[in-house]
Amino acid sequence: MNLTSELIAAFTPTGPMRATINLGNPILARRDAEGAAAGVSVDLARAFATHLGVPLELVVLESAGEAVDMVSNENADIGFFAIDPKRASTITFTDAYVLIEGAYLVKNASPLQSMDEVDRAGHRVTVGKGSAYDLFLSRELKHATITRAATSPTVVQTFLSAGDDVAAGVKQQLEKDALEHPGLRLLPGSFMTIRQAMGLPPSRGAAAANVLREFVEEMKRSGFVAQALKRHGIQGAAVAPNIGV
């Protein structure tokens, strides 16, 4: 697609392109040794700014909920999100660029042995407020009670301090937490596959949305996403398949 001045302006209404970076998902973003944001989503934001030929401003946030609000309220121009129907009214998504598993964690002494046993009356499941897991499990769990940690990285801490029955989140984050807190284990399997995408406010128009979609497909097709996952040492996440654009 020809990058006209109107299309570029759709991504830069305030000057630089403002991209939200959510540190709540360690698969996609974290702080490096100097405290700067780094990761797959940061690499994609920089590559897209280069593609447009515009300066980039990173809006670094601690949770998915904050990132959704920033883009939904047009205080940022693009962001990186798990695709969810509840978010689709205020964010136009590309297709996924990465697929991530959602998992359950319990204490070793828990009687729970499988995911099918989680959704029962009396069970309390801890999730990160506003995360993809929160949105998904709020729809899917019919009997268990959901409690919410402030952010996804604090799920296990909240789960332990509140005495809840199950912690839900990114499988790799829960595996890391289980190593740091003896006496915890993951239930086998995954309760959902999270489709991580880029997104922008719907008001920016269909043409701008198509530019972003084409960019994501090219980043997958060219190997950029796979190389970024490898460069940042990310295991357990898969590059999403290409789609026709």
Protein backbone atom coordinates (compact mmCIF):
# COMPACT_ATOMS: atom_id res chain seq x y z
CA MET A 1 0.00 0.00 0.00
CA ASN A 2 1.24 3.48 -0.90
CA LEU A 3 2.04 5.39 2.29
CA THR A 4 0.35 8.71 1.58
CA SER A 5 0.72 11.72 3.86
CA GLU A 6 -2.87 11.12 5.02
CA LEU A 7 -2.09 7.57 6.06
CA ILE A 8 1.05 8.59 7.92
CA ALA A 9 -0.91 11.36 9.65
CA ALA A 10 -3.40 8.77 10.91
CA PHE A 11 -0.62 7.28 13.03
CA THR A 12 0.96 10.57 14.10
CA PRO A 13 -1.75 13.05 15.15
CA THR A 14 0.46 14.59 17.85
CA GLY A 15 3.85 14.38 16.07
CA PRO A 16 5.64 11.13 16.95
CA MET A 17 3.86 7.79 16.75
CA ARG A 18 2.91 6.83 20.32
CA ALA A 19 3.12 3.08 20.95
CA THR A 20 2.01 1.44 24.20
CA ILE A 21 4.34 -1.20 25.63
CA ASN A 22 2.80 -3.48 28.27
CA LEU A 23 5.34 -4.79 30.77
CA GLY A 24 2.68 -7.06 32.26
CA ASN A 25 3.43 -9.75 29.65
CA PRO A 26 7.09 -10.81 29.97
CA ILE A 27 6.88 -12.77 26.73
CA LEU A 28 6.60 -9.51 24.81
CA ALA A 29 8.22 -6.79 26.90
CA ARG A 30 10.42 -6.24 29.95
CA ARG A 31 12.95 -3.77 31.28
CA ASP A 32 16.58 -4.32 30.33
CA ALA A 33 19.58 -3.89 32.63
CA GLU A 34 19.46 -0.12 32.12
CA GLY A 35 15.74 0.04 32.89
CA ALA A 36 14.64 0.69 29.31
CA ALA A 37 11.77 -1.19 27.70
CA ALA A 38 12.91 -4.09 25.52
CA GLY A 39 11.35 -7.09 23.83
CA VAL A 40 9.43 -8.28 20.81
CA SER A 41 6.77 -5.57 21.01
CA VAL A 42 9.42 -2.85 21.31
CA ASP A 43 11.21 -4.23 18.24
CA LEU A 44 7.95 -4.24 16.27
CA ALA A 45 7.10 -0.69 17.34
CA ARG A 46 10.50 0.53 16.18
CA ALA A 47 10.23 -1.35 12.91
CA PHE A 48 6.78 0.12 12.20
CA ALA A 49 7.97 3.65 12.96
CA THR A 50 10.85 3.08 10.53
CA HIS A 51 8.38 1.73 7.96
CA LEU A 52 6.35 4.93 8.23
CA GLY A 53 9.43 7.14 8.45
CA VAL A 54 8.27 8.81 11.67
CA PRO A 55 9.70 9.31 15.16
CA LEU A 56 8.60 6.89 17.87
CA GLU A 57 7.45 7.56 21.42
CA LEU A 58 7.14 4.51 23.67
CA VAL A 59 4.38 4.70 26.27
CA VAL A 60 5.56 2.12 28.80
CA LEU A 61 2.85 0.70 31.07
CA GLU A 62 2.61 -1.99 33.73
CA SER A 63 -0.62 -3.71 32.70
CA ALA A 64 -2.71 -4.71 29.70
CA GLY A 65 -5.67 -2.78 31.05
CA GLU A 66 -3.70 0.47 31.02
CA ALA A 67 -2.55 -0.17 27.46
CA VAL A 68 -6.10 -0.86 26.29
CA ASP A 69 -7.32 2.36 27.90
CA MET A 70 -4.54 4.45 26.35
CA VAL A 71 -5.31 3.33 22.80
CA SER A 72 -9.08 3.23 23.30
CA ASN A 73 -9.00 6.84 24.51
CA GLU A 74 -6.62 7.84 21.69
CA ASN A 75 -3.86 8.81 24.08
CA ALA A 76 -1.67 6.43 22.07
CA ASP A 77 -1.67 5.54 18.37
CA ILE A 78 -0.86 1.83 18.34
CA GLY A 79 -0.47 -0.92 20.90
CA PHE A 80 0.12 -4.62 21.46
CA PHE A 81 -2.78 -6.66 22.79
CA ALA A 82 -4.30 -10.08 23.15
CA ILE A 83 -7.26 -10.21 20.78
CA ASP A 84 -10.51 -10.29 22.72
CA PRO A 85 -14.08 -9.53 21.60
CA LYS A 86 -14.68 -7.18 24.53
CA ARG A 87 -11.78 -4.99 23.36
CA ALA A 88 -12.85 -5.00 19.71
CA SER A 89 -15.34 -2.13 20.16
CA THR A 90 -12.55 0.32 20.99
CA ILE A 91 -9.53 -1.22 19.24
CA THR A 92 -9.10 -2.42 15.64
CA PHE A 93 -6.84 -5.47 15.69
CA THR A 94 -4.46 -6.94 13.16
CA ASP A 95 -4.26 -10.70 12.99
CA ALA A 96 -2.04 -12.33 15.61
CA TYR A 97 1.74 -12.23 15.32
CA VAL A 98 2.47 -14.49 18.31
CA LEU A 99 0.54 -17.29 20.02
CA ILE A 100 0.95 -17.77 23.78
CA GLU A 101 -0.48 -20.38 26.15
CA GLY A 102 -2.51 -19.57 29.25
CA ALA A 103 -1.98 -21.93 32.19
CA TYR A 104 -3.15 -22.65 35.73
CA LEU A 105 -0.87 -22.88 38.77
CA VAL A 106 -1.74 -24.43 42.14
CA LYS A 107 0.00 -25.32 45.39
CA ASN A 108 1.58 -28.77 45.56
CA ALA A 109 -0.86 -29.70 48.31
CA SER A 110 -3.88 -28.78 46.20
CA PRO A 111 -6.23 -31.65 45.33
CA LEU A 112 -6.62 -30.20 41.83
CA GLN A 113 -4.95 -32.35 39.19
CA SER A 114 -6.52 -31.18 35.92
CA MET A 115 -7.92 -28.02 34.33
CA ASP A 116 -11.41 -29.55 34.26
CA GLU A 117 -11.50 -29.43 38.07
CA VAL A 118 -10.92 -25.66 38.34
CA ASP A 119 -14.42 -24.38 37.57
CA ARG A 120 -16.18 -25.57 40.70
CA ALA A 121 -18.08 -23.71 43.41
CA GLY A 122 -15.81 -22.54 46.21
CA HIS A 123 -12.66 -22.29 44.08
CA ARG A 124 -11.01 -18.87 43.82
CA VAL A 125 -8.96 -18.11 40.69
CA THR A 126 -6.48 -15.21 40.68
CA VAL A 127 -5.94 -13.31 37.40
CA GLY A 128 -4.31 -10.03 36.39
CA LYS A 129 -6.92 -7.27 36.27
CA GLY A 130 -7.93 -6.43 32.70
CA SER A 131 -5.68 -9.11 31.18
CA ALA A 132 -6.74 -11.43 28.38
CA TYR A 133 -7.09 -14.17 31.01
CA ASP A 134 -9.38 -11.98 33.08
CA LEU A 135 -11.63 -11.28 30.08
CA PHE A 136 -11.65 -14.90 28.92
CA LEU A 137 -12.19 -16.52 32.31
CA SER A 138 -14.85 -13.98 33.27
CA ARG A 139 -16.85 -15.37 30.35
CA GLU A 140 -15.93 -19.04 30.69
CA LEU A 141 -15.91 -19.81 34.40
CA LYS A 142 -19.45 -20.48 35.60
CA HIS A 143 -18.89 -21.66 39.18
CA ALA A 144 -15.45 -20.58 40.43
CA THR A 145 -14.89 -17.04 41.74
CA ILE A 146 -12.37 -14.71 40.11
CA THR A 147 -10.11 -12.48 42.19
CA ARG A 148 -7.94 -9.87 40.54
CA ALA A 149 -4.32 -8.92 41.09
CA ALA A 150 -3.27 -5.38 40.16
CA THR A 151 -1.13 -6.64 37.25
CA SER A 152 -0.27 -9.97 35.64
CA PRO A 153 3.26 -10.14 37.14
CA THR A 154 1.73 -9.87 40.66
CA VAL A 155 -0.75 -12.73 40.16
CA VAL A 156 1.24 -15.36 42.06
CA GLN A 157 2.06 -12.99 44.90
CA THR A 158 -1.64 -12.12 45.21
CA PHE A 159 -2.64 -15.78 44.89
CA LEU A 160 -0.34 -16.71 47.77
CA SER A 161 -1.20 -13.81 50.06
CA ALA A 162 -4.96 -14.19 49.51
CA GLY A 163 -4.90 -17.96 49.94
CA ASP A 164 -6.67 -18.54 46.62
CA ASP A 165 -6.93 -21.95 44.96
CA VAL A 166 -5.60 -21.27 41.44
CA ALA A 167 -3.43 -18.67 39.70
CA ALA A 168 -4.02 -18.09 35.98
CA GLY A 169 -1.70 -16.40 33.50
CA VAL A 170 1.05 -16.67 30.90
CA LYS A 171 2.48 -20.17 31.14
CA GLN A 172 6.10 -18.99 31.02
CA GLN A 173 5.53 -16.40 33.78
CA LEU A 174 3.89 -19.01 36.01
CA GLU A 175 6.74 -21.47 35.37
CA LYS A 176 9.21 -18.77 36.44
CA ASP A 177 7.18 -17.97 39.55
CA ALA A 178 6.97 -21.66 40.45
CA LEU A 179 10.78 -21.83 40.48
CA GLU A 180 10.96 -18.79 42.78
CA HIS A 181 8.25 -20.02 45.18
CA PRO A 182 8.77 -23.65 46.25
CA GLY A 183 5.65 -25.71 46.68
CA LEU A 184 3.85 -24.70 43.49
CA ARG A 185 3.06 -26.65 40.31
CA LEU A 186 1.33 -26.10 36.97
CA LEU A 187 -1.72 -28.09 35.95
CA PRO A 188 -1.13 -29.97 32.66
CA GLY A 189 -2.15 -28.29 29.42
CA SER A 190 -3.40 -24.79 28.68
CA PHE A 191 -6.86 -23.30 29.15
CA MET A 192 -6.57 -20.88 26.23
CA THR A 193 -4.30 -19.81 23.39
CA ILE A 194 -3.70 -16.08 23.50
CA ARG A 195 -3.48 -14.42 20.08
CA GLN A 196 -1.22 -11.39 20.46
CA ALA A 197 -1.82 -8.67 17.87
CA MET A 198 -1.19 -5.01 17.15
CA GLY A 199 -4.05 -2.54 17.25
CA LEU A 200 -5.10 1.08 16.75
CA PRO A 201 -8.14 3.25 17.47
CA PRO A 202 -11.02 2.58 15.01
CA SER A 203 -11.28 6.31 14.27
CA ARG A 204 -7.98 6.17 12.36
CA GLY A 205 -9.86 4.51 9.49
CA ALA A 206 -9.88 1.32 7.45
CA ALA A 207 -6.92 2.31 5.29
CA ALA A 208 -4.68 2.86 8.32
CA ALA A 209 -5.85 -0.43 9.80
CA ASN A 210 -4.89 -2.19 6.56
CA VAL A 211 -1.41 -0.63 6.68
CA LEU A 212 -0.92 -2.07 10.16
CA ARG A 213 -2.32 -5.47 9.12
CA GLU A 214 0.00 -5.68 6.12
CA PHE A 215 2.96 -4.72 8.29
CA VAL A 216 2.24 -7.53 10.78
CA GLU A 217 1.89 -10.10 8.01
CA GLU A 218 5.21 -9.00 6.48
CA MET A 219 6.93 -9.18 9.88
CA LYS A 220 5.81 -12.80 10.20
CA ARG A 221 6.55 -13.69 6.58
CA SER A 222 10.05 -12.18 6.62
CA GLY A 223 11.10 -13.98 9.81
CA PHE A 224 11.33 -10.75 11.82
CA VAL A 225 9.03 -12.00 14.60
CA ALA A 226 10.79 -15.38 14.82
CA GLN A 227 14.18 -13.64 15.00
CA ALA A 228 12.94 -11.26 17.70
CA LEU A 229 11.67 -14.15 19.83
CA LYS A 230 15.05 -15.86 19.48
CA ARG A 231 17.00 -12.65 20.13
CA HIS A 232 15.17 -12.04 23.40
CA GLY A 233 15.44 -15.66 24.53
CA ILE A 234 11.69 -16.30 24.49
CA GLN A 235 10.65 -19.94 24.63
CA GLY A 236 7.16 -21.40 24.47
CA ALA A 237 5.69 -18.71 22.20
CA ALA A 238 5.00 -19.47 18.54
CA VAL A 239 4.86 -17.21 15.52
CA ALA A 240 1.25 -17.04 14.33
CA PRO A 241 0.57 -18.25 10.78
CA ASN A 242 0.24 -15.76 7.96
CA ILE A 243 -3.17 -14.86 6.59
CA GLY A 244 -4.20 -13.26 3.32
CA VAL A 245 -4.46 -9.46 3.48
